Amino acid sequence: MTRIDCACGVCIELILDIHPNLIARVSGYVRFTIDERGNVLSASLARSAGFAELDQEVLALVHRASPVPAPPPGANRTITAPVRFSAR
């Protein structure tokens, strides 16, 4: 299960079927920007997981999670979060 936790209270989870020995070593970073209501405005890879299919799914996942909880006033709205994959 992939879990993305960030300062604005977002928690995103993704379950992937990948060999357990490989998935334990896969990680990356996603960067996304939200507006004052928590709508995801953009998402990009800060560091690739090393697999194009996983990278594409992480970006799609962030957009599917929109809207996320609204950030507090004055909070940074660009979030970089680690992405770690594990076998279920």
Protein backbone atom coordinates (compact mmCIF):
# COMPACT_ATOMS: atom_id res chain seq x y z
CA MET A 1 0.00 0.00 0.00
CA THR A 2 1.34 3.42 -0.87
CA ARG A 3 0.57 6.12 1.59
CA ILE A 4 1.25 9.81 1.00
CA ASP A 5 1.00 11.95 4.12
CA CYS A 6 1.61 15.66 3.98
CA ALA A 7 1.31 18.79 6.07
CA CYS A 8 -2.17 19.71 4.84
CA GLY A 9 -3.61 16.48 6.25
CA VAL A 10 -3.78 14.59 2.97
CA CYS A 11 -3.38 10.86 3.13
CA ILE A 12 -3.47 9.02 -0.18
CA GLU A 13 -3.22 5.25 -0.45
CA LEU A 14 -2.60 3.05 -3.45
CA ILE A 15 -2.44 -0.73 -3.62
CA LEU A 16 -0.32 -2.26 -6.37
CA ASP A 17 0.33 -5.87 -7.35
CA ILE A 18 4.12 -6.00 -7.74
CA HIS A 19 6.60 -8.62 -6.61
CA PRO A 20 7.26 -8.09 -2.86
CA ASN A 21 11.06 -8.21 -3.21
CA LEU A 22 11.01 -5.47 -5.83
CA ILE A 23 8.34 -3.24 -4.37
CA ALA A 24 10.15 -2.90 -1.04
CA ARG A 25 12.89 -0.94 -2.82
CA VAL A 26 10.64 1.36 -4.87
CA SER A 27 10.10 4.92 -3.72
CA GLY A 28 9.87 8.41 -5.13
CA TYR A 29 8.56 11.89 -4.39
CA VAL A 30 5.51 13.70 -5.73
CA ARG A 31 5.06 17.48 -5.68
CA PHE A 32 1.62 19.00 -5.97
CA THR A 33 0.03 22.41 -5.58
CA ILE A 34 -3.42 23.03 -4.14
CA ASP A 35 -5.61 26.10 -3.99
CA GLU A 36 -7.22 27.59 -0.87
CA ARG A 37 -10.10 25.09 -1.12
CA GLY A 38 -7.86 22.03 -1.44
CA ASN A 39 -8.29 21.51 -5.18
CA VAL A 40 -5.20 20.00 -6.79
CA LEU A 41 -3.96 22.49 -9.39
CA SER A 42 -0.89 20.60 -10.58
CA ALA A 43 1.18 17.52 -9.81
CA SER A 44 4.65 16.48 -10.89
CA LEU A 45 7.31 14.01 -9.91
CA ALA A 46 9.98 15.44 -7.64
CA ARG A 47 11.77 12.09 -7.96
CA SER A 48 10.73 9.15 -10.10
CA ALA A 49 9.98 5.75 -8.64
CA GLY A 50 11.95 4.33 -11.55
CA PHE A 51 8.98 2.75 -13.31
CA ALA A 52 6.95 4.80 -15.80
CA GLU A 53 3.71 2.98 -14.95
CA LEU A 54 4.08 3.71 -11.22
CA ASP A 55 5.01 7.32 -11.88
CA GLN A 56 1.92 7.80 -14.05
CA GLU A 57 -0.32 6.18 -11.44
CA VAL A 58 1.05 8.36 -8.63
CA LEU A 59 0.28 11.50 -10.62
CA ALA A 60 -3.21 10.26 -11.49
CA LEU A 61 -3.78 9.31 -7.87
CA VAL A 62 -3.05 12.82 -6.63
CA HIS A 63 -5.55 14.25 -9.12
CA ARG A 64 -8.20 11.66 -8.17
CA ALA A 65 -7.81 12.62 -4.51
CA SER A 66 -8.81 16.21 -5.29
CA PRO A 67 -10.15 18.02 -3.42
CA VAL A 68 -8.00 17.38 -0.38
CA PRO A 69 -8.60 19.09 2.98
CA ALA A 70 -8.21 22.84 2.66
CA PRO A 71 -4.94 24.18 4.04
CA PRO A 72 -4.96 26.66 6.91
CA PRO A 73 -4.67 30.33 5.90
CA GLY A 74 -1.09 31.26 5.06
CA ALA A 75 0.07 27.65 4.70
CA ASN A 76 2.38 26.62 1.90
CA ARG A 77 0.21 25.20 -0.86
CA THR A 78 2.97 23.35 -2.69
CA ILE A 79 3.60 20.00 -1.05
CA THR A 80 6.37 17.51 -1.73
CA ALA A 81 5.59 14.11 -0.28
CA PRO A 82 7.41 10.78 -0.27
CA VAL A 83 5.83 7.85 -2.04
CA ARG A 84 6.75 4.37 -0.86
CA PHE A 85 5.33 1.23 -2.35
CA SER A 86 4.79 -2.07 -0.59
CA ALA A 87 3.16 -5.36 -1.54
CA ARG A 88 -0.22 -6.09 -0.05
